[in-house]
Amino acid sequence: IAGSGGSTSYAKSMKGRFTISRDN
């Protein structure tokens, strides 16, 4: 996840099951 939280990326096997987020 980007510093702003505005962009994320996932490994193929985890996309759709895992969600990354942040509270700055």
PDB file of all heavy atoms in Angstrom:
ATOM      1  N   ILE A   1       0.841  -1.179   0.000  1.00  0.00           N
ATOM      2  CA  ILE A   1       0.000   0.000   0.000  1.00  0.00           C
ATOM      3  C   ILE A   1       0.885   1.240   0.000  1.00  0.00           C
ATOM      4  O   ILE A   1       1.896   1.300   0.709  1.00  0.00           O
ATOM      5  CB  ILE A   1      -0.987  -0.008   1.199  1.00  0.00           C
ATOM      6  CG1 ILE A   1      -2.002   1.134   1.092  1.00  0.00           C
ATOM      7  CG2 ILE A   1      -0.254   0.027   2.536  1.00  0.00           C
ATOM      8  CD1 ILE A   1      -3.180   0.972   2.051  1.00  0.00           C
ATOM      9  N   ALA A   2       0.499   2.236  -0.789  1.00  0.00           N
ATOM     10  CA  ALA A   2       1.251   3.476  -0.868  1.00  0.00           C
ATOM     11  C   ALA A   2       1.146   4.271   0.440  1.00  0.00           C
ATOM     12  O   ALA A   2       0.253   4.027   1.252  1.00  0.00           O
ATOM     13  CB  ALA A   2       0.726   4.314  -2.024  1.00  0.00           C
ATOM     14  N   GLY A   3       2.050   5.229   0.606  1.00  0.00           N
ATOM     15  CA  GLY A   3       2.068   6.034   1.811  1.00  0.00           C
ATOM     16  C   GLY A   3       0.756   6.760   2.086  1.00  0.00           C
ATOM     17  O   GLY A   3       0.324   6.892   3.234  1.00  0.00           O
ATOM     18  N   SER A   4       0.114   7.218   1.035  1.00  0.00           N
ATOM     19  CA  SER A   4      -1.164   7.915   1.164  1.00  0.00           C
ATOM     20  C   SER A   4      -2.330   6.962   1.355  1.00  0.00           C
ATOM     21  O   SER A   4      -3.426   7.387   1.726  1.00  0.00           O
ATOM     22  CB  SER A   4      -1.416   8.740  -0.097  1.00  0.00           C
ATOM     23  OG  SER A   4      -1.577   7.873  -1.211  1.00  0.00           O
ATOM     24  N   GLY A   5      -2.099   5.688   1.056  1.00  0.00           N
ATOM     25  CA  GLY A   5      -3.181   4.711   1.084  1.00  0.00           C
ATOM     26  C   GLY A   5      -3.997   4.680  -0.189  1.00  0.00           C
ATOM     27  O   GLY A   5      -4.930   3.895  -0.310  1.00  0.00           O
ATOM     28  N   GLY A   6      -3.633   5.501  -1.158  1.00  0.00           N
ATOM     29  CA  GLY A   6      -4.423   5.628  -2.368  1.00  0.00           C
ATOM     30  C   GLY A   6      -4.179   4.580  -3.427  1.00  0.00           C
ATOM     31  O   GLY A   6      -4.894   4.516  -4.427  1.00  0.00           O
ATOM     32  N   SER A   7      -3.165   3.745  -3.235  1.00  0.00           N
ATOM     33  CA  SER A   7      -2.850   2.710  -4.206  1.00  0.00           C
ATOM     34  C   SER A   7      -2.463   1.434  -3.483  1.00  0.00           C
ATOM     35  O   SER A   7      -1.771   1.480  -2.466  1.00  0.00           O
ATOM     36  CB  SER A   7      -1.710   3.168  -5.110  1.00  0.00           C
ATOM     37  OG  SER A   7      -1.403   2.210  -6.079  1.00  0.00           O
ATOM     38  N   THR A   8      -2.922   0.311  -3.998  1.00  0.00           N
ATOM     39  CA  THR A   8      -2.604  -0.984  -3.409  1.00  0.00           C
ATOM     40  C   THR A   8      -2.231  -1.974  -4.511  1.00  0.00           C
ATOM     41  O   THR A   8      -2.556  -1.775  -5.682  1.00  0.00           O
ATOM     42  CB  THR A   8      -3.780  -1.564  -2.609  1.00  0.00           C
ATOM     43  OG1 THR A   8      -4.919  -1.708  -3.476  1.00  0.00           O
ATOM     44  CG2 THR A   8      -4.154  -0.668  -1.429  1.00  0.00           C
ATOM     45  N   SER A   9      -1.562  -3.041  -4.098  1.00  0.00           N
ATOM     46  CA  SER A   9      -1.210  -4.109  -5.019  1.00  0.00           C
ATOM     47  C   SER A   9      -1.174  -5.413  -4.241  1.00  0.00           C
ATOM     48  O   SER A   9      -0.822  -5.419  -3.061  1.00  0.00           O
ATOM     49  CB  SER A   9       0.144  -3.826  -5.673  1.00  0.00           C
ATOM     50  OG  SER A   9       0.479  -4.826  -6.607  1.00  0.00           O
ATOM     51  N   TYR A  10      -1.533  -6.520  -4.923  1.00  0.00           N
ATOM     52  CA  TYR A  10      -1.614  -7.817  -4.252  1.00  0.00           C
ATOM     53  C   TYR A  10      -0.931  -8.897  -5.076  1.00  0.00           C
ATOM     54  O   TYR A  10      -0.905  -8.834  -6.309  1.00  0.00           O
ATOM     55  CB  TYR A  10      -3.075  -8.217  -4.056  1.00  0.00           C
ATOM     56  CG  TYR A  10      -3.852  -7.291  -3.163  1.00  0.00           C
ATOM     57  CD1 TYR A  10      -4.530  -6.206  -3.684  1.00  0.00           C
ATOM     58  CD2 TYR A  10      -3.892  -7.503  -1.785  1.00  0.00           C
ATOM     59  CE1 TYR A  10      -5.228  -5.338  -2.864  1.00  0.00           C
ATOM     60  CE2 TYR A  10      -4.598  -6.649  -0.953  1.00  0.00           C
ATOM     61  CZ  TYR A  10      -5.265  -5.559  -1.502  1.00  0.00           C
ATOM     62  OH  TYR A  10      -5.964  -4.706  -0.677  1.00  0.00           O
ATOM     63  N   ALA A  11      -0.435  -9.884  -4.378  1.00  0.00           N
ATOM     64  CA  ALA A  11       0.017 -11.084  -5.054  1.00  0.00           C
ATOM     65  C   ALA A  11      -1.200 -11.774  -5.664  1.00  0.00           C
ATOM     66  O   ALA A  11      -2.308 -11.712  -5.109  1.00  0.00           O
ATOM     67  CB  ALA A  11       0.714 -12.022  -4.070  1.00  0.00           C
ATOM     68  N   LYS A  12      -0.982 -12.434  -6.776  1.00  0.00           N
ATOM     69  CA  LYS A  12      -2.085 -13.038  -7.514  1.00  0.00           C
ATOM     70  C   LYS A  12      -2.893 -14.005  -6.656  1.00  0.00           C
ATOM     71  O   LYS A  12      -4.130 -14.020  -6.698  1.00  0.00           O
ATOM     72  CB  LYS A  12      -1.528 -13.754  -8.748  1.00  0.00           C
ATOM     73  CG  LYS A  12      -2.580 -14.193  -9.747  1.00  0.00           C
ATOM     74  CD  LYS A  12      -1.914 -14.767 -10.991  1.00  0.00           C
ATOM     75  CE  LYS A  12      -2.947 -15.159 -12.036  1.00  0.00           C
ATOM     76  NZ  LYS A  12      -2.310 -15.717 -13.260  1.00  0.00           N
ATOM     77  N   SER A  13      -2.210 -14.806  -5.846  1.00  0.00           N
ATOM     78  CA  SER A  13      -2.899 -15.840  -5.072  1.00  0.00           C
ATOM     79  C   SER A  13      -3.715 -15.263  -3.923  1.00  0.00           C
ATOM     80  O   SER A  13      -4.532 -15.964  -3.325  1.00  0.00           O
ATOM     81  CB  SER A  13      -1.883 -16.842  -4.520  1.00  0.00           C
ATOM     82  OG  SER A  13      -0.988 -16.201  -3.635  1.00  0.00           O
ATOM     83  N   MET A  14      -3.511 -14.004  -3.602  1.00  0.00           N
ATOM     84  CA  MET A  14      -4.184 -13.392  -2.464  1.00  0.00           C
ATOM     85  C   MET A  14      -5.211 -12.346  -2.878  1.00  0.00           C
ATOM     86  O   MET A  14      -6.047 -11.952  -2.056  1.00  0.00           O
ATOM     87  CB  MET A  14      -3.155 -12.775  -1.542  1.00  0.00           C
ATOM     88  CG  MET A  14      -2.207 -13.829  -0.978  1.00  0.00           C
ATOM     89  SD  MET A  14      -0.664 -13.160  -0.398  1.00  0.00           S
ATOM     90  CE  MET A  14       0.461 -14.486  -0.786  1.00  0.00           C
ATOM     91  N   LYS A  15      -5.164 -11.928  -4.118  1.00  0.00           N
ATOM     92  CA  LYS A  15      -6.089 -10.907  -4.592  1.00  0.00           C
ATOM     93  C   LYS A  15      -7.514 -11.426  -4.492  1.00  0.00           C
ATOM     94  O   LYS A  15      -7.811 -12.553  -4.880  1.00  0.00           O
ATOM     95  CB  LYS A  15      -5.760 -10.523  -6.031  1.00  0.00           C
ATOM     96  CG  LYS A  15      -6.419  -9.247  -6.484  1.00  0.00           C
ATOM     97  CD  LYS A  15      -5.852  -8.788  -7.801  1.00  0.00           C
ATOM     98  CE  LYS A  15      -6.430  -7.431  -8.195  1.00  0.00           C
ATOM     99  NZ  LYS A  15      -5.868  -6.936  -9.470  1.00  0.00           N
ATOM    100  N   GLY A  16      -8.395 -10.606  -3.936  1.00  0.00           N
ATOM    101  CA  GLY A  16      -9.787 -11.000  -3.755  1.00  0.00           C
ATOM    102  C   GLY A  16     -10.064 -11.634  -2.403  1.00  0.00           C
ATOM    103  O   GLY A  16     -11.220 -11.724  -1.985  1.00  0.00           O
ATOM    104  N   ARG A  17      -9.020 -12.087  -1.717  1.00  0.00           N
ATOM    105  CA  ARG A  17      -9.188 -12.676  -0.388  1.00  0.00           C
ATOM    106  C   ARG A  17      -8.571 -11.798   0.700  1.00  0.00           C
ATOM    107  O   ARG A  17      -9.066 -11.776   1.825  1.00  0.00           O
ATOM    108  CB  ARG A  17      -8.541 -14.065  -0.323  1.00  0.00           C
ATOM    109  CG  ARG A  17      -9.107 -15.077  -1.289  1.00  0.00           C
ATOM    110  CD  ARG A  17      -8.574 -16.475  -0.999  1.00  0.00           C
ATOM    111  NE  ARG A  17      -7.116 -16.543  -1.116  1.00  0.00           N
ATOM    112  CZ  ARG A  17      -6.316 -16.959  -0.133  1.00  0.00           C
ATOM    113  NH1 ARG A  17      -6.815 -17.321   1.032  1.00  0.00           N
ATOM    114  NH2 ARG A  17      -5.001 -17.023  -0.342  1.00  0.00           N
ATOM    115  N   PHE A  18      -7.469 -11.116   0.374  1.00  0.00           N
ATOM    116  CA  PHE A  18      -6.768 -10.270   1.330  1.00  0.00           C
ATOM    117  C   PHE A  18      -7.006  -8.803   0.977  1.00  0.00           C
ATOM    118  O   PHE A  18      -7.092  -8.436  -0.197  1.00  0.00           O
ATOM    119  CB  PHE A  18      -5.261 -10.537   1.291  1.00  0.00           C
ATOM    120  CG  PHE A  18      -4.835 -11.878   1.842  1.00  0.00           C
ATOM    121  CD1 PHE A  18      -5.752 -12.870   2.154  1.00  0.00           C
ATOM    122  CD2 PHE A  18      -3.491 -12.145   2.046  1.00  0.00           C
ATOM    123  CE1 PHE A  18      -5.355 -14.102   2.654  1.00  0.00           C
ATOM    124  CE2 PHE A  18      -3.081 -13.374   2.553  1.00  0.00           C
ATOM    125  CZ  PHE A  18      -4.006 -14.350   2.851  1.00  0.00           C
ATOM    126  N   THR A  19      -7.083  -7.966   2.016  1.00  0.00           N
ATOM    127  CA  THR A  19      -7.234  -6.527   1.818  1.00  0.00           C
ATOM    128  C   THR A  19      -6.259  -5.792   2.715  1.00  0.00           C
ATOM    129  O   THR A  19      -6.279  -5.977   3.946  1.00  0.00           O
ATOM    130  CB  THR A  19      -8.661  -6.061   2.137  1.00  0.00           C
ATOM    131  OG1 THR A  19      -9.598  -6.792   1.335  1.00  0.00           O
ATOM    132  CG2 THR A  19      -8.820  -4.573   1.852  1.00  0.00           C
ATOM    133  N   ILE A  20      -5.408  -4.970   2.114  1.00  0.00           N
ATOM    134  CA  ILE A  20      -4.466  -4.164   2.882  1.00  0.00           C
ATOM    135  C   ILE A  20      -5.050  -2.762   3.030  1.00  0.00           C
ATOM    136  O   ILE A  20      -5.667  -2.224   2.100  1.00  0.00           O
ATOM    137  CB  ILE A  20      -3.075  -4.121   2.206  1.00  0.00           C
ATOM    138  CG1 ILE A  20      -2.039  -3.479   3.130  1.00  0.00           C
ATOM    139  CG2 ILE A  20      -3.127  -3.459   0.839  1.00  0.00           C
ATOM    140  CD1 ILE A  20      -0.601  -3.613   2.622  1.00  0.00           C
ATOM    141  N   SER A  21      -4.875  -2.184   4.209  1.00  0.00           N
ATOM    142  CA  SER A  21      -5.340  -0.825   4.459  1.00  0.00           C
ATOM    143  C   SER A  21      -4.413  -0.191   5.481  1.00  0.00           C
ATOM    144  O   SER A  21      -3.593  -0.872   6.105  1.00  0.00           O
ATOM    145  CB  SER A  21      -6.786  -0.826   4.957  1.00  0.00           C
ATOM    146  OG  SER A  21      -6.894  -1.520   6.184  1.00  0.00           O
ATOM    147  N   ARG A  22      -4.546   1.107   5.659  1.00  0.00           N
ATOM    148  CA  ARG A  22      -3.714   1.796   6.641  1.00  0.00           C
ATOM    149  C   ARG A  22      -4.486   2.951   7.245  1.00  0.00           C
ATOM    150  O   ARG A  22      -5.381   3.525   6.608  1.00  0.00           O
ATOM    151  CB  ARG A  22      -2.413   2.280   6.011  1.00  0.00           C
ATOM    152  CG  ARG A  22      -2.556   3.346   4.947  1.00  0.00           C
ATOM    153  CD  ARG A  22      -1.228   3.558   4.207  1.00  0.00           C
ATOM    154  NE  ARG A  22      -0.195   4.107   5.086  1.00  0.00           N
ATOM    155  CZ  ARG A  22       1.108   4.026   4.828  1.00  0.00           C
ATOM    156  NH1 ARG A  22       1.531   3.424   3.719  1.00  0.00           N
ATOM    157  NH2 ARG A  22       1.984   4.570   5.656  1.00  0.00           N
ATOM    158  N   ASP A  23      -4.122   3.261   8.486  1.00  0.00           N
ATOM    159  CA  ASP A  23      -4.652   4.415   9.190  1.00  0.00           C
ATOM    160  C   ASP A  23      -3.450   5.259   9.576  1.00  0.00           C
ATOM    161  O   ASP A  23      -2.764   4.946  10.551  1.00  0.00           O
ATOM    162  CB  ASP A  23      -5.453   3.968  10.419  1.00  0.00           C
ATOM    163  CG  ASP A  23      -6.116   5.124  11.140  1.00  0.00           C
ATOM    164  OD1 ASP A  23      -5.654   6.268  11.004  1.00  0.00           O
ATOM    165  OD2 ASP A  23      -7.094   4.871  11.858  1.00  0.00           O
ATOM    166  N   ASN A  24      -3.172   6.291   8.810  1.00  0.00           N
ATOM    167  CA  ASN A  24      -1.968   7.088   9.058  1.00  0.00           C
ATOM    168  C   ASN A  24      -2.049   7.848  10.378  1.00  0.00           C
ATOM    169  O   ASN A  24      -1.018   8.120  10.988  1.00  0.00           O
ATOM    170  CB  ASN A  24      -1.711   8.030   7.897  1.00  0.00           C
ATOM    171  CG  ASN A  24      -1.149   7.299   6.676  1.00  0.00           C
ATOM    172  OD1 ASN A  24      -0.693   6.155   6.781  1.00  0.00           O
ATOM    173  ND2 ASN A  24      -1.193   7.941   5.528  1.00  0.00           N
TER     174      ASN A  24
END
